[in-house]
N, C-alpha and C. Protein backbone atom coordinates (compact mmCIF):
# COMPACT_ATOMS: atom_id res chain seq x y z
N MET A 1 39.91 -57.85 -104.74
CA MET A 1 40.40 -59.21 -104.65
C MET A 1 39.21 -60.17 -104.68
N ALA A 2 39.37 -61.26 -105.36
CA ALA A 2 38.29 -62.23 -105.51
C ALA A 2 38.00 -62.94 -104.19
N LYS A 3 36.74 -63.20 -103.98
CA LYS A 3 36.30 -63.95 -102.81
C LYS A 3 35.89 -65.34 -103.30
N ILE A 4 36.44 -66.36 -102.72
CA ILE A 4 36.16 -67.73 -103.15
C ILE A 4 35.18 -68.36 -102.17
N LYS A 5 34.05 -68.82 -102.71
CA LYS A 5 33.01 -69.41 -101.87
C LYS A 5 32.46 -70.67 -102.54
N PRO A 6 32.12 -71.68 -101.73
CA PRO A 6 31.49 -72.87 -102.30
C PRO A 6 30.04 -72.57 -102.68
N ILE A 7 29.52 -73.37 -103.57
CA ILE A 7 28.15 -73.16 -104.04
C ILE A 7 27.15 -73.26 -102.88
N SER A 8 27.46 -74.06 -101.88
CA SER A 8 26.57 -74.16 -100.72
C SER A 8 26.46 -72.82 -99.99
N TYR A 9 27.56 -72.07 -99.94
CA TYR A 9 27.52 -70.74 -99.32
C TYR A 9 26.64 -69.80 -100.14
N LEU A 10 26.76 -69.88 -101.46
CA LEU A 10 25.93 -69.05 -102.33
C LEU A 10 24.45 -69.37 -102.11
N LYS A 11 24.12 -70.64 -102.05
CA LYS A 11 22.72 -71.03 -101.85
C LYS A 11 22.17 -70.50 -100.52
N ALA A 12 22.98 -70.58 -99.48
CA ALA A 12 22.53 -70.19 -98.15
C ALA A 12 22.57 -68.68 -97.91
N ASN A 13 23.39 -67.96 -98.67
CA ASN A 13 23.62 -66.53 -98.39
C ASN A 13 23.48 -65.63 -99.61
N ALA A 14 22.60 -65.99 -100.52
CA ALA A 14 22.47 -65.23 -101.77
C ALA A 14 22.16 -63.76 -101.53
N ALA A 15 21.23 -63.48 -100.63
CA ALA A 15 20.86 -62.07 -100.37
C ALA A 15 22.04 -61.29 -99.82
N GLU A 16 22.77 -61.88 -98.90
CA GLU A 16 23.94 -61.22 -98.33
C GLU A 16 25.01 -60.96 -99.40
N ILE A 17 25.23 -61.94 -100.26
CA ILE A 17 26.21 -61.77 -101.34
C ILE A 17 25.79 -60.63 -102.25
N MET A 18 24.50 -60.55 -102.58
CA MET A 18 24.02 -59.48 -103.45
C MET A 18 24.24 -58.11 -102.82
N ARG A 19 24.01 -57.99 -101.52
CA ARG A 19 24.27 -56.72 -100.83
C ARG A 19 25.77 -56.40 -100.85
N THR A 20 26.58 -57.39 -100.56
CA THR A 20 28.02 -57.19 -100.50
C THR A 20 28.57 -56.79 -101.87
N ILE A 21 28.10 -57.46 -102.89
CA ILE A 21 28.60 -57.19 -104.25
C ILE A 21 28.24 -55.77 -104.68
N ALA A 22 27.11 -55.26 -104.21
CA ALA A 22 26.72 -53.89 -104.55
C ALA A 22 27.62 -52.88 -103.84
N ASP A 23 28.02 -53.18 -102.62
CA ASP A 23 28.85 -52.26 -101.84
C ASP A 23 30.34 -52.42 -102.08
N GLU A 24 30.78 -53.63 -102.34
CA GLU A 24 32.20 -53.93 -102.53
C GLU A 24 32.38 -54.70 -103.83
N PRO A 25 32.39 -53.99 -104.96
CA PRO A 25 32.54 -54.69 -106.23
C PRO A 25 33.80 -55.54 -106.24
N GLY A 26 33.69 -56.65 -106.81
CA GLY A 26 34.79 -57.60 -106.90
C GLY A 26 34.19 -58.96 -107.14
N PRO A 27 34.85 -59.79 -107.85
CA PRO A 27 34.24 -61.07 -108.20
C PRO A 27 34.18 -62.05 -107.03
N TYR A 28 33.15 -62.85 -107.06
CA TYR A 28 33.05 -64.03 -106.22
C TYR A 28 33.33 -65.22 -107.13
N ILE A 29 34.25 -66.05 -106.75
CA ILE A 29 34.49 -67.28 -107.49
C ILE A 29 33.72 -68.37 -106.76
N ILE A 30 32.81 -69.00 -107.47
CA ILE A 30 31.96 -70.02 -106.89
C ILE A 30 32.54 -71.39 -107.24
N THR A 31 32.74 -72.20 -106.19
CA THR A 31 33.33 -73.52 -106.41
C THR A 31 32.28 -74.61 -106.21
N GLN A 32 32.54 -75.73 -106.85
CA GLN A 32 31.72 -76.92 -106.67
C GLN A 32 32.67 -78.09 -106.60
N ASN A 33 32.58 -78.84 -105.54
CA ASN A 33 33.50 -79.95 -105.30
C ASN A 33 34.95 -79.48 -105.35
N GLY A 34 35.19 -78.28 -104.83
CA GLY A 34 36.55 -77.76 -104.73
C GLY A 34 37.11 -77.15 -106.01
N GLU A 35 36.34 -77.16 -107.09
CA GLU A 35 36.80 -76.60 -108.37
C GLU A 35 36.02 -75.33 -108.70
N ALA A 36 36.72 -74.34 -109.24
CA ALA A 36 36.05 -73.11 -109.67
C ALA A 36 35.09 -73.44 -110.81
N LYS A 37 33.84 -73.01 -110.67
CA LYS A 37 32.82 -73.31 -111.67
C LYS A 37 32.15 -72.07 -112.25
N ALA A 38 32.13 -70.97 -111.49
CA ALA A 38 31.44 -69.77 -111.96
C ALA A 38 32.04 -68.54 -111.29
N VAL A 39 31.76 -67.39 -111.90
CA VAL A 39 32.19 -66.11 -111.34
C VAL A 39 30.97 -65.22 -111.24
N LEU A 40 30.81 -64.59 -110.10
CA LEU A 40 29.69 -63.69 -109.86
C LEU A 40 30.25 -62.29 -109.67
N VAL A 41 29.82 -61.35 -110.52
CA VAL A 41 30.29 -59.96 -110.43
C VAL A 41 29.09 -59.03 -110.45
N ASP A 42 29.31 -57.79 -109.97
CA ASP A 42 28.23 -56.81 -110.02
C ASP A 42 28.02 -56.39 -111.48
N TYR A 43 26.82 -55.91 -111.76
CA TYR A 43 26.43 -55.59 -113.13
C TYR A 43 27.31 -54.52 -113.76
N GLU A 44 27.66 -53.48 -113.00
CA GLU A 44 28.48 -52.40 -113.54
C GLU A 44 29.85 -52.91 -113.97
N SER A 45 30.46 -53.75 -113.17
CA SER A 45 31.76 -54.33 -113.53
C SER A 45 31.63 -55.19 -114.78
N TYR A 46 30.55 -55.96 -114.85
CA TYR A 46 30.31 -56.80 -116.03
C TYR A 46 30.21 -55.94 -117.29
N GLU A 47 29.42 -54.88 -117.22
CA GLU A 47 29.26 -53.99 -118.38
C GLU A 47 30.59 -53.36 -118.79
N GLN A 48 31.38 -52.93 -117.82
CA GLN A 48 32.69 -52.34 -118.12
C GLN A 48 33.59 -53.36 -118.80
N GLU A 49 33.58 -54.59 -118.32
CA GLU A 49 34.38 -55.64 -118.94
C GLU A 49 33.93 -55.92 -120.37
N GLN A 50 32.62 -55.92 -120.60
CA GLN A 50 32.11 -56.16 -121.95
C GLN A 50 32.52 -55.04 -122.90
N GLU A 51 32.47 -53.79 -122.44
CA GLU A 51 32.90 -52.66 -123.26
C GLU A 51 34.39 -52.76 -123.57
N THR A 52 35.18 -53.13 -122.57
CA THR A 52 36.62 -53.28 -122.77
C THR A 52 36.90 -54.37 -123.79
N LEU A 53 36.21 -55.50 -123.68
CA LEU A 53 36.40 -56.58 -124.64
C LEU A 53 36.03 -56.15 -126.06
N ALA A 54 34.95 -55.39 -126.19
CA ALA A 54 34.54 -54.92 -127.52
C ALA A 54 35.61 -54.02 -128.12
N LEU A 55 36.17 -53.11 -127.31
CA LEU A 55 37.24 -52.23 -127.81
C LEU A 55 38.48 -53.02 -128.18
N LEU A 56 38.83 -54.02 -127.39
CA LEU A 56 39.99 -54.85 -127.70
C LEU A 56 39.78 -55.62 -129.01
N LYS A 57 38.56 -56.08 -129.25
CA LYS A 57 38.27 -56.78 -130.51
C LYS A 57 38.42 -55.83 -131.70
N ILE A 58 37.96 -54.59 -131.54
CA ILE A 58 38.10 -53.60 -132.61
C ILE A 58 39.57 -53.33 -132.88
N LEU A 59 40.36 -53.18 -131.82
CA LEU A 59 41.80 -52.95 -131.99
C LEU A 59 42.47 -54.13 -132.69
N ALA A 60 42.11 -55.35 -132.29
CA ALA A 60 42.70 -56.54 -132.91
C ALA A 60 42.33 -56.61 -134.38
N LEU A 61 41.10 -56.28 -134.72
CA LEU A 61 40.68 -56.27 -136.12
C LEU A 61 41.47 -55.24 -136.91
N GLY A 62 41.65 -54.05 -136.32
CA GLY A 62 42.43 -53.01 -136.99
C GLY A 62 43.87 -53.44 -137.22
N GLU A 63 44.48 -54.07 -136.23
CA GLU A 63 45.85 -54.56 -136.38
C GLU A 63 45.93 -55.62 -137.48
N GLN A 64 44.94 -56.49 -137.54
CA GLN A 64 44.91 -57.52 -138.57
C GLN A 64 44.80 -56.88 -139.96
N GLN A 65 43.96 -55.87 -140.09
CA GLN A 65 43.81 -55.20 -141.37
C GLN A 65 45.10 -54.51 -141.79
N VAL A 66 45.82 -53.94 -140.84
CA VAL A 66 47.11 -53.31 -141.16
C VAL A 66 48.08 -54.38 -141.64
N ARG A 67 48.16 -55.51 -140.95
CA ARG A 67 49.07 -56.59 -141.36
C ARG A 67 48.73 -57.09 -142.76
N GLU A 68 47.45 -57.11 -143.11
CA GLU A 68 47.02 -57.59 -144.42
C GLU A 68 47.08 -56.51 -145.49
N GLY A 69 47.53 -55.32 -145.12
CA GLY A 69 47.65 -54.24 -146.08
C GLY A 69 46.33 -53.59 -146.46
N LYS A 70 45.31 -53.80 -145.67
CA LYS A 70 43.99 -53.23 -145.95
C LYS A 70 43.90 -51.84 -145.31
N THR A 71 44.69 -50.92 -145.80
CA THR A 71 44.71 -49.57 -145.26
C THR A 71 44.57 -48.57 -146.40
N ARG A 72 44.25 -47.33 -146.02
CA ARG A 72 44.18 -46.23 -146.98
C ARG A 72 44.90 -45.04 -146.37
N PRO A 73 45.47 -44.20 -147.21
CA PRO A 73 46.12 -43.00 -146.68
C PRO A 73 45.10 -42.12 -145.95
N ALA A 74 45.54 -41.53 -144.85
CA ALA A 74 44.66 -40.68 -144.04
C ALA A 74 44.09 -39.53 -144.86
N ALA A 75 44.91 -38.93 -145.71
CA ALA A 75 44.44 -37.79 -146.52
C ALA A 75 43.26 -38.21 -147.39
N GLU A 76 43.31 -39.41 -147.94
CA GLU A 76 42.22 -39.91 -148.78
C GLU A 76 40.94 -40.08 -147.96
N VAL A 77 41.06 -40.60 -146.77
CA VAL A 77 39.90 -40.81 -145.91
C VAL A 77 39.29 -39.48 -145.50
N PHE A 78 40.14 -38.51 -145.10
CA PHE A 78 39.64 -37.20 -144.70
C PHE A 78 38.95 -36.49 -145.86
N GLU A 79 39.49 -36.62 -147.05
CA GLU A 79 38.86 -36.00 -148.22
C GLU A 79 37.49 -36.62 -148.46
N GLU A 80 37.39 -37.92 -148.33
CA GLU A 80 36.10 -38.59 -148.51
C GLU A 80 35.08 -38.10 -147.47
N LEU A 81 35.53 -37.95 -146.23
CA LEU A 81 34.64 -37.44 -145.17
C LEU A 81 34.19 -36.01 -145.46
N ARG A 82 35.12 -35.17 -145.92
CA ARG A 82 34.75 -33.79 -146.26
C ARG A 82 33.68 -33.76 -147.34
N ARG A 83 33.84 -34.59 -148.36
CA ARG A 83 32.85 -34.64 -149.45
C ARG A 83 31.49 -35.09 -148.92
N ARG A 84 31.48 -36.07 -148.04
CA ARG A 84 30.22 -36.55 -147.48
C ARG A 84 29.52 -35.45 -146.69
N TRP A 85 30.27 -34.71 -145.88
CA TRP A 85 29.69 -33.65 -145.07
C TRP A 85 29.16 -32.52 -145.95
N GLN A 86 29.84 -32.23 -147.03
CA GLN A 86 29.40 -31.16 -147.93
C GLN A 86 28.13 -31.56 -148.66
N ASP A 87 27.97 -32.84 -148.94
CA ASP A 87 26.78 -33.33 -149.64
C ASP A 87 25.55 -33.30 -148.74
N ASP A 88 25.76 -33.31 -147.44
CA ASP A 88 24.61 -33.33 -146.50
C ASP A 88 24.02 -32.01 -146.39
């Protein structure tokens, strides 16, 4: 669950937040003047989110190519791969 903290808390307790984030992954939502302005997450969570986003982009691109008819029969692709492996 996200922890909501004002920027003044972040400034005063940065070291504590860094320790907490390492032990209890989960985002900190940092507010300024009562409005959410930033999100602070541990590095591992950030990396996992980036990998997930990359996979989702690949899936979206694949779906778009299918809608546009940019596909090839699987048998044709497998045959091309077999030829490439034999040439190596």
